[in-house]
Structure formats: C-alpha cells, structure tokens
C-alpha cells in the first residue's frame, strides 16, 4: 500500500488530505494519472504547479515523474504557489 499526502491547493481540489493506493509499486506518473482519473475535478494536474516528495525526498533527485514508489512509501504532493 502506498500512502499519499496532499497539501495546499491540490488537497482542496481533490477534497482529501490523505489517500492510500493498494499497489505494490507505481511511478509518480502513474500516481498522478490515478489522482486525475479518480479524484481531480479539473481532469488534469499541471505538473509544473506541484512538487512531489517520496519519503521526504524531492522526486526530481529520484528520477522525476518516472521515479518508482513501493508499498510502504509515502508520497507527498503539494501545490506550488506562483506569484510576484
């Protein structure tokens, strides 16, 4: 089981702060697709507007959106606020 924590705007859009996916492994791309298909009201998550961490490590250093996640891992997805 993979635990997903949602923070910021994506939490509000999906309507939950925590989810669990009953899979042995997945990629970040797969998790985003799962969220889009099952929870996200806008149908498409803009990957430039989120940051993803796997067990507290930013996913870009682990392979980006192709990074693999295993059962027991925690994926944290948070919205990035843009402005100026």
PDB file of N, CA and C in Angstrom:
ATOM      1  N   UNK A   1       0.841  -1.168   0.000  1.00  0.00           N
ATOM      2  CA  UNK A   1       0.000   0.000   0.000  1.00  0.00           C
ATOM      3  C   UNK A   1       0.894   1.241   0.000  1.00  0.00           C
ATOM      4  N   UNK A   2       0.570   2.201  -0.852  1.00  0.00           N
ATOM      5  CA  UNK A   2       1.304   3.450  -0.979  1.00  0.00           C
ATOM      6  C   UNK A   2       0.443   4.552  -0.367  1.00  0.00           C
ATOM      7  N   UNK A   3       1.025   5.304   0.563  1.00  0.00           N
ATOM      8  CA  UNK A   3       0.309   6.400   1.212  1.00  0.00           C
ATOM      9  C   UNK A   3       0.589   7.687   0.444  1.00  0.00           C
ATOM     10  N   UNK A   4      -0.459   8.497   0.233  1.00  0.00           N
ATOM     11  CA  UNK A   4      -0.328   9.773  -0.465  1.00  0.00           C
ATOM     12  C   UNK A   4      -0.837  10.877   0.455  1.00  0.00           C
ATOM     13  N   UNK A   5       0.019  11.853   0.720  1.00  0.00           N
ATOM     14  CA  UNK A   5      -0.358  13.043   1.471  1.00  0.00           C
ATOM     15  C   UNK A   5      -0.507  14.195   0.495  1.00  0.00           C
ATOM     16  N   UNK A   6      -1.590  14.933   0.617  1.00  0.00           N
ATOM     17  CA  UNK A   6      -1.870  16.064  -0.264  1.00  0.00           C
ATOM     18  C   UNK A   6      -1.901  17.345   0.564  1.00  0.00           C
ATOM     19  N   UNK A   7      -1.203  18.370   0.067  1.00  0.00           N
ATOM     20  CA  UNK A   7      -1.101  19.633   0.788  1.00  0.00           C
ATOM     21  C   UNK A   7      -1.422  20.800  -0.140  1.00  0.00           C
ATOM     22  N   UNK A   8      -1.947  21.862   0.427  1.00  0.00           N
ATOM     23  CA  UNK A   8      -2.209  23.085  -0.340  1.00  0.00           C
ATOM     24  C   UNK A   8      -3.407  22.958  -1.261  1.00  0.00           C
ATOM     25  N   UNK A   9      -3.301  23.619  -2.415  1.00  0.00           N
ATOM     26  CA  UNK A   9      -4.404  23.681  -3.367  1.00  0.00           C
ATOM     27  C   UNK A   9      -4.839  22.329  -3.904  1.00  0.00           C
ATOM     28  N   UNK A  10      -3.895  21.407  -4.063  1.00  0.00           N
ATOM     29  CA  UNK A  10      -4.277  20.092  -4.585  1.00  0.00           C
ATOM     30  C   UNK A  10      -5.132  19.333  -3.573  1.00  0.00           C
ATOM     31  N   UNK A  11      -4.869  19.540  -2.293  1.00  0.00           N
ATOM     32  CA  UNK A  11      -5.707  18.946  -1.239  1.00  0.00           C
ATOM     33  C   UNK A  11      -7.137  19.465  -1.365  1.00  0.00           C
ATOM     34  N   UNK A  12      -7.261  20.770  -1.581  1.00  0.00           N
ATOM     35  CA  UNK A  12      -8.588  21.374  -1.723  1.00  0.00           C
ATOM     36  C   UNK A  12      -9.282  20.874  -2.982  1.00  0.00           C
ATOM     37  N   UNK A  13      -8.552  20.769  -4.078  1.00  0.00           N
ATOM     38  CA  UNK A  13      -9.141  20.316  -5.341  1.00  0.00           C
ATOM     39  C   UNK A  13      -9.603  18.872  -5.274  1.00  0.00           C
ATOM     40  N   UNK A  14      -8.826  18.035  -4.618  1.00  0.00           N
ATOM     41  CA  UNK A  14      -9.167  16.611  -4.543  1.00  0.00           C
ATOM     42  C   UNK A  14     -10.160  16.342  -3.415  1.00  0.00           C
ATOM     43  N   UNK A  15     -10.129  17.186  -2.369  1.00  0.00           N
ATOM     44  CA  UNK A  15     -11.108  17.053  -1.294  1.00  0.00           C
ATOM     45  C   UNK A  15     -10.680  16.130  -0.173  1.00  0.00           C
ATOM     46  N   UNK A  16      -9.423  15.713  -0.179  1.00  0.00           N
ATOM     47  CA  UNK A  16      -8.910  14.840   0.871  1.00  0.00           C
ATOM     48  C   UNK A  16      -7.454  15.186   1.129  1.00  0.00           C
ATOM     49  N   UNK A  17      -7.003  14.923   2.353  1.00  0.00           N
ATOM     50  CA  UNK A  17      -5.602  15.195   2.669  1.00  0.00           C
ATOM     51  C   UNK A  17      -4.744  13.940   2.618  1.00  0.00           C
ATOM     52  N   UNK A  18      -5.364  12.780   2.734  1.00  0.00           N
ATOM     53  CA  UNK A  18      -4.620  11.519   2.713  1.00  0.00           C
ATOM     54  C   UNK A  18      -5.369  10.471   1.903  1.00  0.00           C
ATOM     55  N   UNK A  19      -4.623   9.734   1.100  1.00  0.00           N
ATOM     56  CA  UNK A  19      -5.178   8.628   0.322  1.00  0.00           C
ATOM     57  C   UNK A  19      -4.233   7.447   0.431  1.00  0.00           C
ATOM     58  N   UNK A  20      -4.738   6.276   0.121  1.00  0.00           N
ATOM     59  CA  UNK A  20      -3.893   5.099   0.030  1.00  0.00           C
ATOM     60  C   UNK A  20      -4.207   4.371  -1.260  1.00  0.00           C
ATOM     61  N   UNK A  21      -3.155   3.931  -1.934  1.00  0.00           N
ATOM     62  CA  UNK A  21      -3.307   3.154  -3.157  1.00  0.00           C
ATOM     63  C   UNK A  21      -2.849   1.739  -2.846  1.00  0.00           C
ATOM     64  N   UNK A  22      -3.688   0.794  -3.121  1.00  0.00           N
ATOM     65  CA  UNK A  22      -3.385  -0.597  -2.809  1.00  0.00           C
ATOM     66  C   UNK A  22      -2.598  -1.237  -3.951  1.00  0.00           C
ATOM     67  N   UNK A  23      -1.354  -0.809  -4.099  1.00  0.00           N
ATOM     68  CA  UNK A  23      -0.455  -1.315  -5.135  1.00  0.00           C
ATOM     69  C   UNK A  23       0.894  -1.637  -4.498  1.00  0.00           C
ATOM     70  N   UNK A  24       1.599  -2.577  -5.074  1.00  0.00           N
ATOM     71  CA  UNK A  24       2.948  -2.909  -4.603  1.00  0.00           C
ATOM     72  C   UNK A  24       3.970  -1.884  -5.094  1.00  0.00           C
ATOM     73  N   UNK A  25       3.744  -1.349  -6.288  1.00  0.00           N
ATOM     74  CA  UNK A  25       4.654  -0.333  -6.830  1.00  0.00           C
ATOM     75  C   UNK A  25       3.913   0.511  -7.853  1.00  0.00           C
ATOM     76  N   UNK A  26       4.455   1.709  -8.075  1.00  0.00           N
ATOM     77  CA  UNK A  26       3.887   2.628  -9.056  1.00  0.00           C
ATOM     78  C   UNK A  26       4.943   3.676  -9.359  1.00  0.00           C
ATOM     79  N   UNK A  27       4.738   4.413 -10.438  1.00  0.00           N
ATOM     80  CA  UNK A  27       5.586   5.569 -10.729  1.00  0.00           C
ATOM     81  C   UNK A  27       4.827   6.818 -10.291  1.00  0.00           C
ATOM     82  N   UNK A  28       5.533   7.919 -10.173  1.00  0.00           N
ATOM     83  CA  UNK A  28       4.869   9.183  -9.864  1.00  0.00           C
ATOM     84  C   UNK A  28       3.871   9.518 -10.978  1.00  0.00           C
ATOM     85  N   UNK A  29       4.256   9.286 -12.243  1.00  0.00           N
ATOM     86  CA  UNK A  29       3.311   9.490 -13.354  1.00  0.00           C
ATOM     87  C   UNK A  29       2.046   8.680 -13.162  1.00  0.00           C
ATOM     88  N   UNK A  30       2.192   7.430 -12.741  1.00  0.00           N
ATOM     89  CA  UNK A  30       1.040   6.565 -12.512  1.00  0.00           C
ATOM     90  C   UNK A  30       0.146   7.073 -11.392  1.00  0.00           C
ATOM     91  N   UNK A  31       0.770   7.582 -10.336  1.00  0.00           N
ATOM     92  CA  UNK A  31       0.001   8.123  -9.215  1.00  0.00           C
ATOM     93  C   UNK A  31      -0.755   9.374  -9.649  1.00  0.00           C
ATOM     94  N   UNK A  32      -0.105  10.243 -10.398  1.00  0.00           N
ATOM     95  CA  UNK A  32      -0.781  11.454 -10.891  1.00  0.00           C
ATOM     96  C   UNK A  32      -1.949  11.069 -11.795  1.00  0.00           C
ATOM     97  N   UNK A  33      -1.750  10.111 -12.680  1.00  0.00           N
ATOM     98  CA  UNK A  33      -2.845   9.645 -13.551  1.00  0.00           C
ATOM     99  C   UNK A  33      -3.995   9.079 -12.729  1.00  0.00           C
ATOM    100  N   UNK A  34      -3.662   8.320 -11.693  1.00  0.00           N
ATOM    101  CA  UNK A  34      -4.683   7.757 -10.803  1.00  0.00           C
ATOM    102  C   UNK A  34      -5.491   8.875 -10.139  1.00  0.00           C
ATOM    103  N   UNK A  35      -4.797   9.897  -9.626  1.00  0.00           N
ATOM    104  CA  UNK A  35      -5.489  11.018  -8.992  1.00  0.00           C
ATOM    105  C   UNK A  35      -6.376  11.750  -9.990  1.00  0.00           C
ATOM    106  N   UNK A  36      -5.870  11.983 -11.198  1.00  0.00           N
ATOM    107  CA  UNK A  36      -6.657  12.669 -12.229  1.00  0.00           C
ATOM    108  C   UNK A  36      -7.907  11.882 -12.577  1.00  0.00           C
ATOM    109  N   UNK A  37      -7.781  10.581 -12.707  1.00  0.00           N
ATOM    110  CA  UNK A  37      -8.913   9.741 -13.114  1.00  0.00           C
ATOM    111  C   UNK A  37      -9.960   9.578 -12.020  1.00  0.00           C
ATOM    112  N   UNK A  38      -9.511   9.550 -10.761  1.00  0.00           N
ATOM    113  CA  UNK A  38     -10.419   9.188  -9.679  1.00  0.00           C
ATOM    114  C   UNK A  38     -10.842  10.332  -8.755  1.00  0.00           C
ATOM    115  N   UNK A  39     -10.086  11.410  -8.717  1.00  0.00           N
ATOM    116  CA  UNK A  39     -10.369  12.433  -7.720  1.00  0.00           C
ATOM    117  C   UNK A  39     -10.349  13.864  -8.234  1.00  0.00           C
ATOM    118  N   UNK A  40      -9.549  14.168  -9.224  1.00  0.00           N
ATOM    119  CA  UNK A  40      -9.299  15.558  -9.578  1.00  0.00           C
ATOM    120  C   UNK A  40     -10.404  16.094 -10.467  1.00  0.00           C
ATOM    121  N   UNK A  41     -11.091  17.119  -9.995  1.00  0.00           N
ATOM    122  CA  UNK A  41     -12.267  17.628 -10.701  1.00  0.00           C
ATOM    123  C   UNK A  41     -11.918  18.318 -12.019  1.00  0.00           C
ATOM    124  N   UNK A  42     -10.699  18.826 -12.157  1.00  0.00           N
ATOM    125  CA  UNK A  42     -10.316  19.510 -13.396  1.00  0.00           C
ATOM    126  C   UNK A  42      -9.769  18.548 -14.456  1.00  0.00           C
ATOM    127  N   UNK A  43      -9.664  17.268 -14.153  1.00  0.00           N
ATOM    128  CA  UNK A  43      -9.211  16.196 -15.041  1.00  0.00           C
ATOM    129  C   UNK A  43      -7.732  16.209 -15.375  1.00  0.00           C
ATOM    130  N   UNK A  44      -7.006  17.292 -15.136  1.00  0.00           N
ATOM    131  CA  UNK A  44      -5.585  17.356 -15.475  1.00  0.00           C
ATOM    132  C   UNK A  44      -4.840  18.130 -14.401  1.00  0.00           C
ATOM    133  N   UNK A  45      -3.832  17.497 -13.819  1.00  0.00           N
ATOM    134  CA  UNK A  45      -2.972  18.153 -12.851  1.00  0.00           C
ATOM    135  C   UNK A  45      -1.778  18.717 -13.611  1.00  0.00           C
ATOM    136  N   UNK A  46      -1.560  20.010 -13.505  1.00  0.00           N
ATOM    137  CA  UNK A  46      -0.419  20.637 -14.167  1.00  0.00           C
ATOM    138  C   UNK A  46       0.833  20.320 -13.354  1.00  0.00           C
ATOM    139  N   UNK A  47       1.709  19.513 -13.922  1.00  0.00           N
ATOM    140  CA  UNK A  47       2.888  19.050 -13.202  1.00  0.00           C
ATOM    141  C   UNK A  47       3.855  20.172 -12.851  1.00  0.00           C
ATOM    142  N   UNK A  48       3.739  21.303 -13.515  1.00  0.00           N
ATOM    143  CA  UNK A  48       4.585  22.459 -13.172  1.00  0.00           C
ATOM    144  C   UNK A  48       4.067  23.187 -11.937  1.00  0.00           C
ATOM    145  N   UNK A  49       2.859  22.853 -11.501  1.00  0.00           N
ATOM    146  CA  UNK A  49       2.252  23.527 -10.358  1.00  0.00           C
ATOM    147  C   UNK A  49       2.306  22.695  -9.076  1.00  0.00           C
ATOM    148  N   UNK A  50       3.012  21.574  -9.110  1.00  0.00           N
ATOM    149  CA  UNK A  50       3.116  20.736  -7.913  1.00  0.00           C
ATOM    150  C   UNK A  50       4.567  20.357  -7.643  1.00  0.00           C
ATOM    151  N   UNK A  51       4.833  20.004  -6.395  1.00  0.00           N
ATOM    152  CA  UNK A  51       6.095  19.406  -6.005  1.00  0.00           C
ATOM    153  C   UNK A  51       5.771  18.055  -5.394  1.00  0.00           C
ATOM    154  N   UNK A  52       6.572  17.055  -5.716  1.00  0.00           N
ATOM    155  CA  UNK A  52       6.331  15.706  -5.228  1.00  0.00           C
ATOM    156  C   UNK A  52       7.553  15.232  -4.452  1.00  0.00           C
ATOM    157  N   UNK A  53       7.312  14.649  -3.287  1.00  0.00           N
ATOM    158  CA  UNK A  53       8.385  14.070  -2.486  1.00  0.00           C
ATOM    159  C   UNK A  53       8.050  12.610  -2.199  1.00  0.00           C
ATOM    160  N   UNK A  54       9.076  11.791  -2.191  1.00  0.00           N
ATOM    161  CA  UNK A  54       8.926  10.377  -1.840  1.00  0.00           C
ATOM    162  C   UNK A  54       9.704  10.162  -0.551  1.00  0.00           C
ATOM    163  N   UNK A  55       8.996   9.781   0.494  1.00  0.00           N
ATOM    164  CA  UNK A  55       9.607   9.601   1.811  1.00  0.00           C
ATOM    165  C   UNK A  55      10.438  10.811   2.213  1.00  0.00           C
ATOM    166  N   UNK A  56       9.927  12.018   1.901  1.00  0.00           N
ATOM    167  CA  UNK A  56      10.570  13.255   2.292  1.00  0.00           C
ATOM    168  C   UNK A  56      11.670  13.743   1.367  1.00  0.00           C
ATOM    169  N   UNK A  57      11.922  13.035   0.274  1.00  0.00           N
ATOM    170  CA  UNK A  57      12.967  13.426  -0.681  1.00  0.00           C
ATOM    171  C   UNK A  57      12.291  13.887  -1.965  1.00  0.00           C
ATOM    172  N   UNK A  58      12.661  15.098  -2.411  1.00  0.00           N
ATOM    173  CA  UNK A  58      12.061  15.660  -3.618  1.00  0.00           C
ATOM    174  C   UNK A  58      12.282  14.711  -4.797  1.00  0.00           C
ATOM    175  N   UNK A  59      11.241  14.441  -5.545  1.00  0.00           N
ATOM    176  CA  UNK A  59      11.271  13.391  -6.566  1.00  0.00           C
ATOM    177  C   UNK A  59      12.243  13.659  -7.705  1.00  0.00           C
ATOM    178  N   UNK A  60      12.589  14.923  -7.963  1.00  0.00           N
ATOM    179  CA  UNK A  60      13.491  15.214  -9.082  1.00  0.00           C
ATOM    180  C   UNK A  60      14.858  14.551  -8.901  1.00  0.00           C
ATOM    181  N   UNK A  61      15.288  14.334  -7.678  1.00  0.00           N
ATOM    182  CA  UNK A  61      16.575  13.674  -7.451  1.00  0.00           C
ATOM    183  C   UNK A  61      16.448  12.152  -7.462  1.00  0.00           C
ATOM    184  N   UNK A  62      15.218  11.670  -7.564  1.00  0.00           N
ATOM    185  CA  UNK A  62      14.958  10.226  -7.577  1.00  0.00           C
ATOM    186  C   UNK A  62      14.481   9.715  -8.926  1.00  0.00           C
ATOM    187  N   UNK A  63      14.508  10.575  -9.937  1.00  0.00           N
ATOM    188  CA  UNK A  63      14.058  10.167 -11.262  1.00  0.00           C
ATOM    189  C   UNK A  63      12.880  10.951 -11.769  1.00  0.00           C
ATOM    190  N   UNK A  64      12.509  12.009 -11.072  1.00  0.00           N
ATOM    191  CA  UNK A  64      11.391  12.838 -11.513  1.00  0.00           C
ATOM    192  C   UNK A  64      10.075  12.080 -11.513  1.00  0.00           C
ATOM    193  N   UNK A  65       9.268  12.316 -12.516  1.00  0.00           N
ATOM    194  CA  UNK A  65       7.953  11.678 -12.579  1.00  0.00           C
ATOM    195  C   UNK A  65       8.027  10.204 -12.991  1.00  0.00           C
ATOM    196  N   UNK A  66       9.209   9.738 -13.358  1.00  0.00           N
ATOM    197  CA  UNK A  66       9.402   8.316 -13.629  1.00  0.00           C
ATOM    198  C   UNK A  66       9.874   7.562 -12.393  1.00  0.00           C
ATOM    199  N   UNK A  67      10.103   8.270 -11.290  1.00  0.00           N
ATOM    200  CA  UNK A  67      10.577   7.641 -10.054  1.00  0.00           C
ATOM    201  C   UNK A  67       9.591   6.566  -9.604  1.00  0.00           C
ATOM    202  N   UNK A  68      10.134   5.474  -9.125  1.00  0.00           N
ATOM    203  CA  UNK A  68       9.315   4.360  -8.655  1.00  0.00           C
ATOM    204  C   UNK A  68       9.036   4.493  -7.165  1.00  0.00           C
ATOM    205  N   UNK A  69       7.828   4.140  -6.798  1.00  0.00           N
ATOM    206  CA  UNK A  69       7.376   4.149  -5.422  1.00  0.00           C
ATOM    207  C   UNK A  69       6.952   2.726  -5.089  1.00  0.00           C
ATOM    208  N   UNK A  70       7.289   2.277  -3.889  1.00  0.00           N
ATOM    209  CA  UNK A  70       6.960   0.916  -3.478  1.00  0.00           C
ATOM    210  C   UNK A  70       5.986   0.923  -2.310  1.00  0.00           C
ATOM    211  N   UNK A  71       5.356  -0.204  -2.094  1.00  0.00           N
ATOM    212  CA  UNK A  71       4.458  -0.365  -0.957  1.00  0.00           C
ATOM    213  C   UNK A  71       5.196   0.007   0.323  1.00  0.00           C
ATOM    214  N   UNK A  72       4.542   0.791   1.163  1.00  0.00           N
ATOM    215  CA  UNK A  72       5.151   1.267   2.398  1.00  0.00           C
ATOM    216  C   UNK A  72       5.721   2.665   2.281  1.00  0.00           C
ATOM    217  N   UNK A  73       5.882   3.159   1.040  1.00  0.00           N
ATOM    218  CA  UNK A  73       6.395   4.506   0.826  1.00  0.00           C
ATOM    219  C   UNK A  73       5.281   5.535   1.026  1.00  0.00           C
ATOM    220  N   UNK A  74       5.708   6.763   1.336  1.00  0.00           N
ATOM    221  CA  UNK A  74       4.784   7.891   1.447  1.00  0.00           C
ATOM    222  C   UNK A  74       5.137   8.915   0.385  1.00  0.00           C
ATOM    223  N   UNK A  75       4.150   9.262  -0.425  1.00  0.00           N
ATOM    224  CA  UNK A  75       4.302  10.280  -1.456  1.00  0.00           C
ATOM    225  C   UNK A  75       3.566  11.525  -0.978  1.00  0.00           C
ATOM    226  N   UNK A  76       4.266  12.642  -0.966  1.00  0.00           N
ATOM    227  CA  UNK A  76       3.655  13.915  -0.584  1.00  0.00           C
ATOM    228  C   UNK A  76       3.596  14.793  -1.822  1.00  0.00           C
ATOM    229  N   UNK A  77       2.402  15.303  -2.108  1.00  0.00           N
ATOM    230  CA  UNK A  77       2.203  16.182  -3.253  1.00  0.00           C
ATOM    231  C   UNK A  77       1.669  17.501  -2.721  1.00  0.00           C
ATOM    232  N   UNK A  78       2.359  18.592  -3.088  1.00  0.00           N
ATOM    233  CA  UNK A  78       1.886  19.893  -2.659  1.00  0.00           C
ATOM    234  C   UNK A  78       1.876  20.863  -3.799  1.00  0.00           C
ATOM    235  N   UNK A  79       0.926  21.767  -3.750  1.00  0.00           N
ATOM    236  CA  UNK A  79       0.809  22.795  -4.784  1.00  0.00           C
ATOM    237  C   UNK A  79       1.880  23.850  -4.569  1.00  0.00           C
ATOM    238  N   UNK A  80       2.448  24.314  -5.663  1.00  0.00           N
ATOM    239  CA  UNK A  80       3.416  25.394  -5.629  1.00  0.00           C
ATOM    240  C   UNK A  80       2.662  26.681  -5.915  1.00  0.00           C
ATOM    241  N   UNK A  81       2.841  27.672  -5.068  1.00  0.00           N
ATOM    242  CA  UNK A  81       2.173  28.952  -5.234  1.00  0.00           C
ATOM    243  C   UNK A  81       3.077  29.850  -6.062  1.00  0.00           C
ATOM    244  N   UNK A  82       2.522  30.372  -7.158  1.00  0.00           N
ATOM    245  CA  UNK A  82       3.260  31.276  -8.021  1.00  0.00           C
ATOM    246  C   UNK A  82       2.749  32.703  -7.772  1.00  0.00           C
ATOM    247  N   UNK A  83       3.597  33.619  -7.960  1.00  0.00           N
ATOM    248  CA  UNK A  83       3.160  34.999  -7.818  1.00  0.00           C
ATOM    249  C   UNK A  83       4.330  35.954  -7.936  1.00  0.00           C
ATOM    250  N   UNK A  84       4.056  37.179  -7.806  1.00  0.00           N
ATOM    251  CA  UNK A  84       5.141  38.130  -7.915  1.00  0.00           C
ATOM    252  C   UNK A  84       4.788  39.475  -7.383  1.00  0.00           C
TER     253      UNK A  84
END
